[in-house]
Amino acid sequence: QVQLVESGGGVVEPGGSLKLSCVASGDTAGIAAMSWYRHPPGKQRQLQLVASINSGGRITYHDSVKGRFTISSDFAKDTIYLQMDALKPEDTDVYLCNAQRYLADNWGRGTQVPVSS
């Protein structure tokens, strides 16, 4: 099993920046990709992929964050980051870290990002 711990969340004003971190521990060998998720607006029972990076360095972003968020990784440290700039109130959510290992999903508990003036 893989354990994931997110950090870096907190209250931020619109237009501000935050950097989230997610550290993986446990059975981390074989992790193929790590990602950040949140909920689509008004749909708390669904998850929306925010950004993903795989072990080959391929990166994917949701259209709503392109140009504002940057995902990066240090796979030697089993850690990914999400630099969030130009934050908007609609970015407010709990951000969840995911690690795919041998086609199984592993999840962290999330870190809250309230964007409010």
C-alpha atoms as a PDB file:
ATOM      1  CA  GLN A   1       0.000   0.000   0.000  1.00  0.00           C
ATOM      2  CA  VAL A   2       0.940   3.590  -0.598  1.00  0.00           C
ATOM      3  CA  GLN A   3       0.312   6.286   1.977  1.00  0.00           C
ATOM      4  CA  LEU A   4      -0.063   9.854   0.731  1.00  0.00           C
ATOM      5  CA  VAL A   5       0.129  12.995   2.841  1.00  0.00           C
ATOM      6  CA  GLU A   6      -0.759  16.387   1.412  1.00  0.00           C
ATOM      7  CA  SER A   7       0.285  19.738   2.826  1.00  0.00           C
ATOM      8  CA  GLY A   8       0.446  23.392   1.890  1.00  0.00           C
ATOM      9  CA  GLY A   9      -3.210  24.316   1.890  1.00  0.00           C
ATOM     10  CA  GLY A  10      -4.600  27.383   3.572  1.00  0.00           C
ATOM     11  CA  VAL A  11      -6.665  30.513   3.121  1.00  0.00           C
ATOM     12  CA  VAL A  12      -5.529  32.683   0.230  1.00  0.00           C
ATOM     13  CA  GLU A  13      -6.960  35.801  -1.386  1.00  0.00           C
ATOM     14  CA  PRO A  14      -8.046  35.842  -5.017  1.00  0.00           C
ATOM     15  CA  GLY A  15      -5.026  36.381  -7.209  1.00  0.00           C
ATOM     16  CA  GLY A  16      -2.728  34.833  -4.640  1.00  0.00           C
ATOM     17  CA  SER A  17      -0.522  31.752  -4.790  1.00  0.00           C
ATOM     18  CA  LEU A  18      -0.058  28.516  -2.887  1.00  0.00           C
ATOM     19  CA  LYS A  19       2.200  25.522  -3.316  1.00  0.00           C
ATOM     20  CA  LEU A  20       0.855  22.118  -2.358  1.00  0.00           C
ATOM     21  CA  SER A  21       3.019  19.094  -1.640  1.00  0.00           C
ATOM     22  CA  CYS A  22       2.203  15.397  -1.583  1.00  0.00           C
ATOM     23  CA  VAL A  23       4.615  12.871  -0.122  1.00  0.00           C
ATOM     24  CA  ALA A  24       4.217   9.171  -0.795  1.00  0.00           C
ATOM     25  CA  SER A  25       5.467   6.470   1.547  1.00  0.00           C
ATOM     26  CA  GLY A  26       5.091   2.716   1.920  1.00  0.00           C
ATOM     27  CA  ASP A  27       5.202   0.577  -1.229  1.00  0.00           C
ATOM     28  CA  THR A  28       6.211   3.403  -3.572  1.00  0.00           C
ATOM     29  CA  ALA A  29       8.188   1.315  -6.056  1.00  0.00           C
ATOM     30  CA  GLY A  30       6.136   0.987  -9.203  1.00  0.00           C
ATOM     31  CA  ILE A  31       4.181   4.218  -8.909  1.00  0.00           C
ATOM     32  CA  ALA A  32       3.321   5.062 -12.497  1.00  0.00           C
ATOM     33  CA  ALA A  33       1.716   8.456 -12.031  1.00  0.00           C
ATOM     34  CA  MET A  34       0.782  10.945  -9.348  1.00  0.00           C
ATOM     35  CA  SER A  35      -1.992  13.466  -9.643  1.00  0.00           C
ATOM     36  CA  TRP A  36      -4.008  16.180  -7.952  1.00  0.00           C
ATOM     37  CA  TYR A  37      -7.795  16.035  -7.912  1.00  0.00           C
ATOM     38  CA  ARG A  38     -10.600  18.271  -6.664  1.00  0.00           C
ATOM     39  CA  HIS A  39     -14.393  18.282  -7.025  1.00  0.00           C
ATOM     40  CA  PRO A  40     -16.129  19.797 -10.049  1.00  0.00           C
ATOM     41  CA  PRO A  41     -18.149  22.900  -9.154  1.00  0.00           C
ATOM     42  CA  GLY A  42     -21.371  21.877  -7.444  1.00  0.00           C
ATOM     43  CA  LYS A  43     -20.583  18.169  -7.700  1.00  0.00           C
ATOM     44  CA  GLN A  44     -19.146  17.020  -4.415  1.00  0.00           C
ATOM     45  CA  ARG A  45     -19.625  13.358  -5.272  1.00  0.00           C
ATOM     46  CA  GLN A  46     -17.385  13.550  -8.305  1.00  0.00           C
ATOM     47  CA  LEU A  47     -13.695  14.156  -8.737  1.00  0.00           C
ATOM     48  CA  GLN A  48     -11.996  16.302 -11.317  1.00  0.00           C
ATOM     49  CA  LEU A  49      -8.422  15.757 -12.411  1.00  0.00           C
ATOM     50  CA  VAL A  50      -6.523  18.995 -11.842  1.00  0.00           C
ATOM     51  CA  ALA A  51      -3.047  17.924 -12.940  1.00  0.00           C
ATOM     52  CA  SER A  52      -1.127  14.719 -13.427  1.00  0.00           C
ATOM     53  CA  ILE A  53       2.467  13.718 -14.003  1.00  0.00           C
ATOM     54  CA  ASN A  54       3.686  10.248 -14.850  1.00  0.00           C
ATOM     55  CA  SER A  55       7.021   8.587 -14.273  1.00  0.00           C
ATOM     56  CA  GLY A  56       8.044   9.509 -17.812  1.00  0.00           C
ATOM     57  CA  GLY A  57       7.398  13.184 -17.145  1.00  0.00           C
ATOM     58  CA  ARG A  58       4.209  13.457 -19.175  1.00  0.00           C
ATOM     59  CA  ILE A  59       1.991  16.195 -17.740  1.00  0.00           C
ATOM     60  CA  THR A  60      -1.740  16.771 -18.088  1.00  0.00           C
ATOM     61  CA  TYR A  61      -3.797  19.730 -16.856  1.00  0.00           C
ATOM     62  CA  HIS A  62      -7.503  20.439 -16.603  1.00  0.00           C
ATOM     63  CA  ASP A  63      -8.405  23.274 -18.973  1.00  0.00           C
ATOM     64  CA  SER A  64      -9.534  25.485 -16.096  1.00  0.00           C
ATOM     65  CA  VAL A  65      -6.045  25.581 -14.548  1.00  0.00           C
ATOM     66  CA  LYS A  66      -3.816  25.699 -17.632  1.00  0.00           C
ATOM     67  CA  GLY A  67      -1.438  28.638 -17.428  1.00  0.00           C
ATOM     68  CA  ARG A  68      -2.094  29.114 -13.703  1.00  0.00           C
ATOM     69  CA  PHE A  69      -1.115  25.820 -12.055  1.00  0.00           C
ATOM     70  CA  THR A  70       2.138  23.929 -12.454  1.00  0.00           C
ATOM     71  CA  ILE A  71       2.690  20.345 -11.379  1.00  0.00           C
ATOM     72  CA  SER A  72       6.186  19.085 -10.713  1.00  0.00           C
ATOM     73  CA  SER A  73       7.728  16.026  -9.202  1.00  0.00           C
ATOM     74  CA  ASP A  74      10.714  14.685  -7.393  1.00  0.00           C
ATOM     75  CA  PHE A  75      10.185  10.981  -7.820  1.00  0.00           C
ATOM     76  CA  ALA A  76      13.452  10.282  -6.017  1.00  0.00           C
ATOM     77  CA  LYS A  77      11.704  11.726  -2.962  1.00  0.00           C
ATOM     78  CA  ASP A  78       8.306  10.271  -3.930  1.00  0.00           C
ATOM     79  CA  THR A  79       6.922  13.788  -3.856  1.00  0.00           C
ATOM     80  CA  ILE A  80       4.843  15.910  -6.168  1.00  0.00           C
ATOM     81  CA  TYR A  81       4.012  19.585  -5.964  1.00  0.00           C
ATOM     82  CA  LEU A  82       1.281  21.830  -7.293  1.00  0.00           C
ATOM     83  CA  GLN A  83       2.191  25.484  -7.694  1.00  0.00           C
ATOM     84  CA  MET A  84      -1.067  27.399  -7.886  1.00  0.00           C
ATOM     85  CA  ASP A  85      -0.941  31.003  -9.086  1.00  0.00           C
ATOM     86  CA  ALA A  86      -3.633  33.545  -9.924  1.00  0.00           C
ATOM     87  CA  LEU A  87      -6.061  31.682  -7.688  1.00  0.00           C
ATOM     88  CA  LYS A  88      -9.771  32.295  -8.170  1.00  0.00           C
ATOM     89  CA  PRO A  89     -12.670  31.803  -5.749  1.00  0.00           C
ATOM     90  CA  GLU A  90     -13.825  28.888  -7.900  1.00  0.00           C
ATOM     91  CA  ASP A  91     -10.544  27.096  -7.116  1.00  0.00           C
ATOM     92  CA  THR A  92     -11.770  26.724  -3.539  1.00  0.00           C
ATOM     93  CA  ASP A  93     -11.884  23.025  -2.681  1.00  0.00           C
ATOM     94  CA  VAL A  94     -10.146  20.153  -0.960  1.00  0.00           C
ATOM     95  CA  TYR A  95      -7.223  19.061  -3.106  1.00  0.00           C
ATOM     96  CA  LEU A  96      -6.570  15.324  -3.064  1.00  0.00           C
ATOM     97  CA  CYS A  97      -3.366  13.570  -4.034  1.00  0.00           C
ATOM     98  CA  ASN A  98      -3.549  10.326  -5.994  1.00  0.00           C
ATOM     99  CA  ALA A  99      -0.891   7.760  -6.821  1.00  0.00           C
ATOM    100  CA  GLN A 100      -1.439   5.054  -9.409  1.00  0.00           C
ATOM    101  CA  ARG A 101       0.533   1.908  -8.751  1.00  0.00           C
ATOM    102  CA  TYR A 102      -0.040  -1.246 -10.778  1.00  0.00           C
ATOM    103  CA  LEU A 103      -3.428   0.149 -11.901  1.00  0.00           C
ATOM    104  CA  ALA A 104      -4.577   0.634  -8.293  1.00  0.00           C
ATOM    105  CA  ASP A 105      -5.498   4.071  -6.981  1.00  0.00           C
ATOM    106  CA  ASN A 106      -4.158   5.342  -3.675  1.00  0.00           C
ATOM    107  CA  TRP A 107      -5.520   8.508  -2.090  1.00  0.00           C
ATOM    108  CA  GLY A 108      -4.492  11.033   0.488  1.00  0.00           C
ATOM    109  CA  ARG A 109      -6.890  12.759   2.868  1.00  0.00           C
ATOM    110  CA  GLY A 110      -6.613  16.088   1.093  1.00  0.00           C
ATOM    111  CA  THR A 111      -5.624  19.632   1.938  1.00  0.00           C
ATOM    112  CA  GLN A 112      -8.090  22.515   1.954  1.00  0.00           C
ATOM    113  CA  VAL A 113      -7.643  25.546  -0.244  1.00  0.00           C
ATOM    114  CA  PRO A 114     -10.179  28.285   0.534  1.00  0.00           C
ATOM    115  CA  VAL A 115      -9.812  31.228  -1.853  1.00  0.00           C
ATOM    116  CA  SER A 116     -11.548  34.186  -0.288  1.00  0.00           C
ATOM    117  CA  SER A 117     -11.127  37.881   0.338  1.00  0.00           C
END
